[in-house]
């Protein structure tokens, strides 16, 4: 099984932390990823190795062997994962209604007036702001 463009890629919090290491560093050995996650979250090397193997089976990361060392590289971008996970959230909690999601964020004070003006300007331009 391999993640393809357009596939939904929904990850756990810990998987996202692992992927952020790969997104930031590019190709990294299991030991390099484990070192970062041990420092940031106290995660053991064996747990990281297992997670990387599972993500490779899903097609989320690519594996390369060099002698006895194993290296991994992200096969999906952070924006692809973000899009998949927001789509999943939108569908499961808000019945696919983006307005209900935005309304919830406004009601819960997650979006403040300055954010609303920036959102209005972005919508007026007709799409996402990539800058």
N, C-alpha and C. Protein backbone atom coordinates (compact mmCIF):
# COMPACT_ATOMS: atom_id res chain seq x y z
N UNK A 1 0.85 -1.19 0.00
CA UNK A 1 0.00 0.00 0.00
C UNK A 1 0.89 1.24 0.00
N UNK A 2 0.52 2.22 -0.78
CA UNK A 2 1.32 3.42 -0.88
C UNK A 2 0.42 4.65 -0.94
N UNK A 3 0.79 5.68 -0.18
CA UNK A 3 0.04 6.93 -0.21
C UNK A 3 0.22 7.56 -1.59
N UNK A 4 -0.89 7.93 -2.20
CA UNK A 4 -0.86 8.55 -3.52
C UNK A 4 -1.43 9.96 -3.39
N UNK A 5 -1.11 10.84 -4.33
CA UNK A 5 -1.69 12.17 -4.28
C UNK A 5 -3.22 12.07 -4.19
N UNK A 6 -3.79 12.82 -3.27
CA UNK A 6 -5.23 12.80 -3.08
C UNK A 6 -5.68 11.82 -2.01
N UNK A 7 -4.81 10.88 -1.60
CA UNK A 7 -5.16 9.96 -0.52
C UNK A 7 -5.27 10.73 0.78
N UNK A 8 -6.18 10.29 1.64
CA UNK A 8 -6.28 10.89 2.96
C UNK A 8 -5.16 10.34 3.83
N UNK A 9 -4.43 11.23 4.47
CA UNK A 9 -3.36 10.84 5.38
C UNK A 9 -3.68 11.47 6.73
N UNK A 10 -4.25 10.66 7.61
CA UNK A 10 -4.60 11.11 8.95
C UNK A 10 -3.61 10.47 9.91
N UNK A 11 -2.96 11.30 10.70
CA UNK A 11 -1.89 10.84 11.59
C UNK A 11 -2.20 11.19 13.04
N UNK A 12 -1.64 10.40 13.95
CA UNK A 12 -1.75 10.70 15.37
C UNK A 12 -0.81 11.85 15.72
N UNK A 13 -0.97 12.39 16.91
CA UNK A 13 -0.11 13.47 17.38
C UNK A 13 1.37 13.07 17.35
N UNK A 14 1.66 11.86 17.80
CA UNK A 14 3.04 11.38 17.83
C UNK A 14 3.58 11.16 16.41
N UNK A 15 2.74 10.65 15.51
CA UNK A 15 3.16 10.48 14.12
C UNK A 15 3.45 11.83 13.47
N UNK A 16 2.66 12.83 13.80
CA UNK A 16 2.91 14.17 13.27
C UNK A 16 4.24 14.70 13.78
N UNK A 17 4.54 14.50 15.06
CA UNK A 17 5.82 14.92 15.62
C UNK A 17 6.97 14.25 14.88
N UNK A 18 6.82 12.97 14.61
CA UNK A 18 7.85 12.24 13.86
C UNK A 18 8.00 12.81 12.45
N UNK A 19 6.88 13.03 11.79
CA UNK A 19 6.91 13.57 10.42
C UNK A 19 7.54 14.97 10.39
N UNK A 20 7.30 15.75 11.44
CA UNK A 20 7.89 17.10 11.48
C UNK A 20 9.42 17.03 11.48
N UNK A 21 9.95 16.01 12.10
CA UNK A 21 11.41 15.82 12.06
C UNK A 21 11.85 15.57 10.62
N UNK A 22 11.14 14.70 9.93
CA UNK A 22 11.50 14.40 8.53
C UNK A 22 11.27 15.61 7.63
N UNK A 23 10.17 16.34 7.84
CA UNK A 23 9.92 17.52 7.03
C UNK A 23 11.01 18.57 7.24
N UNK A 24 11.48 18.72 8.45
CA UNK A 24 12.49 19.73 8.75
C UNK A 24 13.89 19.31 8.29
N UNK A 25 14.22 18.03 8.44
CA UNK A 25 15.57 17.56 8.17
C UNK A 25 15.74 16.89 6.82
N UNK A 26 14.65 16.52 6.18
CA UNK A 26 14.76 15.72 4.96
C UNK A 26 15.05 14.29 5.36
N UNK A 27 15.81 13.60 4.54
CA UNK A 27 16.12 12.20 4.84
C UNK A 27 16.89 12.10 6.16
N UNK A 28 16.45 11.19 7.02
CA UNK A 28 17.07 11.03 8.33
C UNK A 28 17.09 9.56 8.71
N UNK A 29 18.11 9.18 9.47
CA UNK A 29 18.18 7.80 9.96
C UNK A 29 17.20 7.63 11.11
N UNK A 30 16.90 6.38 11.39
CA UNK A 30 16.04 6.07 12.53
C UNK A 30 16.64 6.67 13.80
N UNK A 31 17.95 6.54 13.96
CA UNK A 31 18.62 7.06 15.16
C UNK A 31 18.47 8.58 15.27
N UNK A 32 18.58 9.29 14.13
CA UNK A 32 18.45 10.75 14.16
C UNK A 32 17.04 11.17 14.57
N UNK A 33 16.04 10.51 14.01
CA UNK A 33 14.65 10.82 14.38
C UNK A 33 14.42 10.48 15.84
N UNK A 34 14.92 9.32 16.27
CA UNK A 34 14.75 8.89 17.66
C UNK A 34 15.41 9.86 18.64
N UNK A 35 16.56 10.38 18.26
CA UNK A 35 17.26 11.33 19.13
C UNK A 35 16.42 12.58 19.36
N UNK A 36 15.82 13.11 18.30
CA UNK A 36 14.98 14.31 18.43
C UNK A 36 13.76 14.02 19.29
N UNK A 37 13.08 12.90 19.02
CA UNK A 37 11.86 12.59 19.76
C UNK A 37 12.14 12.20 21.20
N UNK A 38 13.30 11.63 21.46
CA UNK A 38 13.67 11.33 22.85
C UNK A 38 13.85 12.63 23.62
N UNK A 39 14.51 13.59 22.99
CA UNK A 39 14.76 14.89 23.62
C UNK A 39 13.45 15.66 23.81
N UNK A 40 12.59 15.68 22.78
CA UNK A 40 11.36 16.47 22.83
C UNK A 40 10.25 15.82 23.63
N UNK A 41 10.16 14.47 23.56
CA UNK A 41 8.99 13.81 24.13
C UNK A 41 9.31 12.59 24.98
N UNK A 42 10.57 12.23 25.12
CA UNK A 42 10.92 11.07 25.91
C UNK A 42 10.56 9.75 25.25
N UNK A 43 10.48 9.73 23.92
CA UNK A 43 10.09 8.53 23.18
C UNK A 43 11.32 7.65 22.97
N UNK A 44 11.16 6.34 23.16
CA UNK A 44 12.26 5.39 23.02
C UNK A 44 12.54 5.07 21.55
N UNK A 45 13.79 4.71 21.27
CA UNK A 45 14.25 4.37 19.92
C UNK A 45 13.39 3.28 19.29
N UNK A 46 13.05 2.25 20.06
CA UNK A 46 12.26 1.13 19.52
C UNK A 46 10.88 1.60 19.07
N UNK A 47 10.29 2.51 19.82
CA UNK A 47 8.98 3.05 19.45
C UNK A 47 9.07 3.82 18.14
N UNK A 48 10.12 4.64 18.00
CA UNK A 48 10.32 5.40 16.77
C UNK A 48 10.53 4.45 15.59
N UNK A 49 11.35 3.44 15.77
CA UNK A 49 11.61 2.47 14.69
C UNK A 49 10.32 1.78 14.25
N UNK A 50 9.49 1.39 15.21
CA UNK A 50 8.21 0.74 14.89
C UNK A 50 7.29 1.69 14.13
N UNK A 51 7.20 2.93 14.61
CA UNK A 51 6.35 3.92 13.94
C UNK A 51 6.82 4.17 12.51
N UNK A 52 8.12 4.30 12.31
CA UNK A 52 8.66 4.53 10.97
C UNK A 52 8.33 3.36 10.04
N UNK A 53 8.47 2.13 10.55
CA UNK A 53 8.14 0.96 9.73
C UNK A 53 6.66 0.96 9.34
N UNK A 54 5.80 1.31 10.26
CA UNK A 54 4.36 1.34 9.97
C UNK A 54 4.03 2.44 8.96
N UNK A 55 4.65 3.60 9.11
CA UNK A 55 4.42 4.69 8.17
C UNK A 55 4.95 4.33 6.77
N UNK A 56 6.03 3.56 6.74
CA UNK A 56 6.58 3.12 5.44
C UNK A 56 5.61 2.15 4.78
N UNK A 57 5.02 1.26 5.54
CA UNK A 57 4.03 0.31 4.99
C UNK A 57 2.81 1.04 4.44
N UNK A 58 2.45 2.16 5.06
CA UNK A 58 1.31 2.96 4.59
C UNK A 58 1.67 3.84 3.39
N UNK A 59 2.97 3.93 3.08
CA UNK A 59 3.40 4.77 1.97
C UNK A 59 3.58 6.23 2.33
N UNK A 60 3.59 6.53 3.62
CA UNK A 60 3.74 7.91 4.09
C UNK A 60 5.20 8.34 4.09
N UNK A 61 6.10 7.39 4.34
CA UNK A 61 7.54 7.65 4.27
C UNK A 61 8.18 6.62 3.35
N UNK A 62 9.32 6.99 2.79
CA UNK A 62 10.10 6.07 1.96
C UNK A 62 11.32 5.61 2.75
N UNK A 63 11.72 4.37 2.53
CA UNK A 63 12.84 3.77 3.24
C UNK A 63 14.01 3.58 2.28
N UNK A 64 15.22 3.84 2.78
CA UNK A 64 16.44 3.56 2.01
C UNK A 64 17.44 2.93 2.96
N UNK A 65 18.01 1.82 2.52
CA UNK A 65 19.04 1.15 3.34
C UNK A 65 20.42 1.48 2.78
N UNK A 66 21.34 1.74 3.70
CA UNK A 66 22.73 1.98 3.34
C UNK A 66 23.57 1.20 4.34
N UNK A 67 24.09 0.07 3.89
CA UNK A 67 24.81 -0.86 4.78
C UNK A 67 23.86 -1.26 5.91
N UNK A 68 24.22 -0.96 7.15
CA UNK A 68 23.38 -1.34 8.29
C UNK A 68 22.45 -0.21 8.75
N UNK A 69 22.55 0.92 8.11
CA UNK A 69 21.76 2.08 8.50
C UNK A 69 20.48 2.16 7.65
N UNK A 70 19.37 2.55 8.28
CA UNK A 70 18.10 2.73 7.58
C UNK A 70 17.77 4.22 7.61
N UNK A 71 17.41 4.75 6.45
CA UNK A 71 17.05 6.16 6.33
C UNK A 71 15.61 6.27 5.84
N UNK A 72 14.94 7.31 6.33
CA UNK A 72 13.56 7.56 5.94
C UNK A 72 13.41 8.97 5.41
N UNK A 73 12.46 9.12 4.50
CA UNK A 73 12.16 10.43 3.93
C UNK A 73 10.64 10.53 3.78
N UNK A 74 10.08 11.69 4.06
CA UNK A 74 8.64 11.90 3.93
C UNK A 74 8.22 11.77 2.47
N UNK A 75 7.11 11.08 2.23
CA UNK A 75 6.55 10.96 0.89
C UNK A 75 5.31 11.84 0.73
N UNK A 76 4.87 12.43 1.83
CA UNK A 76 3.74 13.36 1.80
C UNK A 76 4.19 14.65 2.48
N UNK A 77 3.64 15.75 2.01
CA UNK A 77 4.02 17.05 2.56
C UNK A 77 3.15 17.38 3.78
N UNK A 78 3.63 18.33 4.55
CA UNK A 78 2.86 18.77 5.71
C UNK A 78 1.51 19.34 5.27
N UNK A 79 1.49 20.07 4.16
CA UNK A 79 0.22 20.64 3.69
C UNK A 79 -0.75 19.55 3.26
N UNK A 80 -0.27 18.44 2.69
CA UNK A 80 -1.15 17.33 2.33
C UNK A 80 -1.77 16.70 3.57
N UNK A 81 -0.96 16.51 4.60
CA UNK A 81 -1.47 15.93 5.85
C UNK A 81 -2.46 16.90 6.50
N UNK A 82 -2.13 18.17 6.53
CA UNK A 82 -3.02 19.17 7.11
C UNK A 82 -4.37 19.16 6.38
N UNK A 83 -4.32 19.15 5.05
CA UNK A 83 -5.54 19.15 4.25
C UNK A 83 -6.38 17.90 4.55
N UNK A 84 -5.75 16.74 4.60
CA UNK A 84 -6.46 15.49 4.90
C UNK A 84 -7.10 15.52 6.28
N UNK A 85 -6.34 15.98 7.26
CA UNK A 85 -6.83 15.95 8.62
C UNK A 85 -7.93 16.98 8.86
N UNK A 86 -7.82 18.15 8.24
CA UNK A 86 -8.89 19.15 8.37
C UNK A 86 -10.14 18.64 7.65
N UNK A 87 -9.97 17.99 6.51
CA UNK A 87 -11.10 17.42 5.79
C UNK A 87 -11.79 16.35 6.63
N UNK A 88 -11.01 15.52 7.29
CA UNK A 88 -11.55 14.48 8.18
C UNK A 88 -12.32 15.12 9.33
N UNK A 89 -11.74 16.13 9.95
CA UNK A 89 -12.39 16.85 11.05
C UNK A 89 -13.68 17.51 10.57
N UNK A 90 -13.62 18.16 9.43
CA UNK A 90 -14.78 18.84 8.87
C UNK A 90 -15.91 17.85 8.62
N UNK A 91 -15.57 16.71 8.03
CA UNK A 91 -16.59 15.72 7.74
C UNK A 91 -17.16 15.06 8.98
N UNK A 92 -16.28 14.68 9.92
CA UNK A 92 -16.75 13.92 11.08
C UNK A 92 -17.44 14.77 12.13
N UNK A 93 -16.98 15.98 12.36
CA UNK A 93 -17.56 16.80 13.42
C UNK A 93 -18.53 17.88 12.94
N UNK A 94 -18.40 18.28 11.68
CA UNK A 94 -19.21 19.39 11.19
C UNK A 94 -20.03 19.03 9.95
N UNK A 95 -20.16 17.73 9.67
CA UNK A 95 -20.99 17.29 8.55
C UNK A 95 -20.59 17.89 7.21
N UNK A 96 -19.32 18.25 7.07
CA UNK A 96 -18.83 18.82 5.82
C UNK A 96 -19.13 20.30 5.66
N UNK A 97 -19.69 20.94 6.66
CA UNK A 97 -20.07 22.35 6.59
C UNK A 97 -18.93 23.24 7.10
N UNK A 98 -18.17 23.81 6.18
CA UNK A 98 -17.03 24.66 6.54
C UNK A 98 -17.49 25.88 7.33
N UNK A 99 -18.68 26.40 7.03
CA UNK A 99 -19.18 27.57 7.77
C UNK A 99 -19.40 27.22 9.24
N UNK A 100 -19.85 26.00 9.50
CA UNK A 100 -20.06 25.58 10.89
C UNK A 100 -18.72 25.51 11.63
N UNK A 101 -17.68 25.05 10.95
CA UNK A 101 -16.34 25.01 11.56
C UNK A 101 -15.85 26.42 11.88
N UNK A 102 -15.97 27.33 10.93
CA UNK A 102 -15.52 28.72 11.15
C UNK A 102 -16.35 29.35 12.26
N UNK A 103 -17.65 29.11 12.26
CA UNK A 103 -18.52 29.65 13.31
C UNK A 103 -18.08 29.13 14.68
N UNK A 104 -17.76 27.86 14.75
CA UNK A 104 -17.29 27.27 16.01
C UNK A 104 -16.01 27.97 16.48
N UNK A 105 -15.07 28.17 15.56
CA UNK A 105 -13.81 28.82 15.92
C UNK A 105 -14.03 30.24 16.41
N UNK A 106 -14.95 30.95 15.78
CA UNK A 106 -15.27 32.32 16.21
C UNK A 106 -15.93 32.28 17.58
N UNK A 107 -16.91 31.39 17.76
CA UNK A 107 -17.63 31.30 19.04
C UNK A 107 -16.71 30.93 20.19
N UNK A 108 -15.71 30.10 19.92
CA UNK A 108 -14.79 29.64 20.96
C UNK A 108 -13.60 30.58 21.14
N UNK A 109 -13.62 31.74 20.47
CA UNK A 109 -12.58 32.76 20.56
C UNK A 109 -11.23 32.25 20.05
N UNK A 110 -11.26 31.27 19.16
CA UNK A 110 -10.02 30.81 18.53
C UNK A 110 -9.60 31.77 17.43
N UNK A 111 -10.56 32.54 16.93
CA UNK A 111 -10.29 33.55 15.91
C UNK A 111 -10.67 34.89 16.51
N UNK A 112 -9.75 35.83 16.46
CA UNK A 112 -9.99 37.16 17.00
C UNK A 112 -10.27 38.13 15.86
N UNK A 113 -10.79 39.34 16.16
CA UNK A 113 -11.19 40.26 15.09
C UNK A 113 -10.12 40.50 14.01
N UNK A 114 -8.87 40.65 14.37
CA UNK A 114 -7.83 40.85 13.35
C UNK A 114 -7.71 39.66 12.41
N UNK A 115 -7.90 38.46 12.98
CA UNK A 115 -7.88 37.25 12.16
C UNK A 115 -9.05 37.24 11.19
N UNK A 116 -10.21 37.71 11.66
CA UNK A 116 -11.39 37.73 10.80
C UNK A 116 -11.17 38.64 9.60
N UNK A 117 -10.54 39.79 9.83
CA UNK A 117 -10.28 40.71 8.71
C UNK A 117 -9.31 40.08 7.72
N UNK A 118 -8.28 39.42 8.21
CA UNK A 118 -7.33 38.74 7.31
C UNK A 118 -8.04 37.64 6.53
N UNK A 119 -8.95 36.92 7.19
CA UNK A 119 -9.71 35.86 6.52
C UNK A 119 -10.62 36.46 5.44
N UNK A 120 -11.27 37.59 5.74
CA UNK A 120 -12.12 38.26 4.74
C UNK A 120 -11.29 38.65 3.52
N UNK A 121 -10.10 39.19 3.75
CA UNK A 121 -9.24 39.59 2.63
C UNK A 121 -8.80 38.39 1.81
N UNK A 122 -8.48 37.29 2.48
CA UNK A 122 -8.07 36.06 1.79
C UNK A 122 -9.22 35.53 0.95
N UNK A 123 -10.43 35.54 1.50
CA UNK A 123 -11.59 35.07 0.76
C UNK A 123 -11.88 35.99 -0.44
N UNK A 124 -11.68 37.28 -0.27
CA UNK A 124 -11.89 38.23 -1.36
C UNK A 124 -10.90 38.00 -2.50
N UNK A 125 -9.70 37.53 -2.16
CA UNK A 125 -8.68 37.22 -3.20
C UNK A 125 -9.00 35.90 -3.90
N UNK A 126 -9.90 35.12 -3.29
CA UNK A 126 -10.34 33.90 -3.96
C UNK A 126 -9.59 32.65 -3.63
N UNK A 127 -8.88 32.61 -2.51
CA UNK A 127 -8.23 31.34 -2.20
C UNK A 127 -7.26 31.43 -1.07
N UNK A 128 -6.53 30.35 -0.88
CA UNK A 128 -5.58 30.28 0.25
C UNK A 128 -4.41 31.22 0.06
N UNK A 129 -3.86 31.60 1.18
CA UNK A 129 -2.68 32.46 1.21
C UNK A 129 -1.47 31.57 1.45
N UNK A 130 -0.58 31.49 0.48
CA UNK A 130 0.59 30.61 0.62
C UNK A 130 1.80 31.37 1.09
N UNK A 131 1.67 32.56 1.56
CA UNK A 131 2.82 33.33 1.96
C UNK A 131 2.96 33.48 3.37
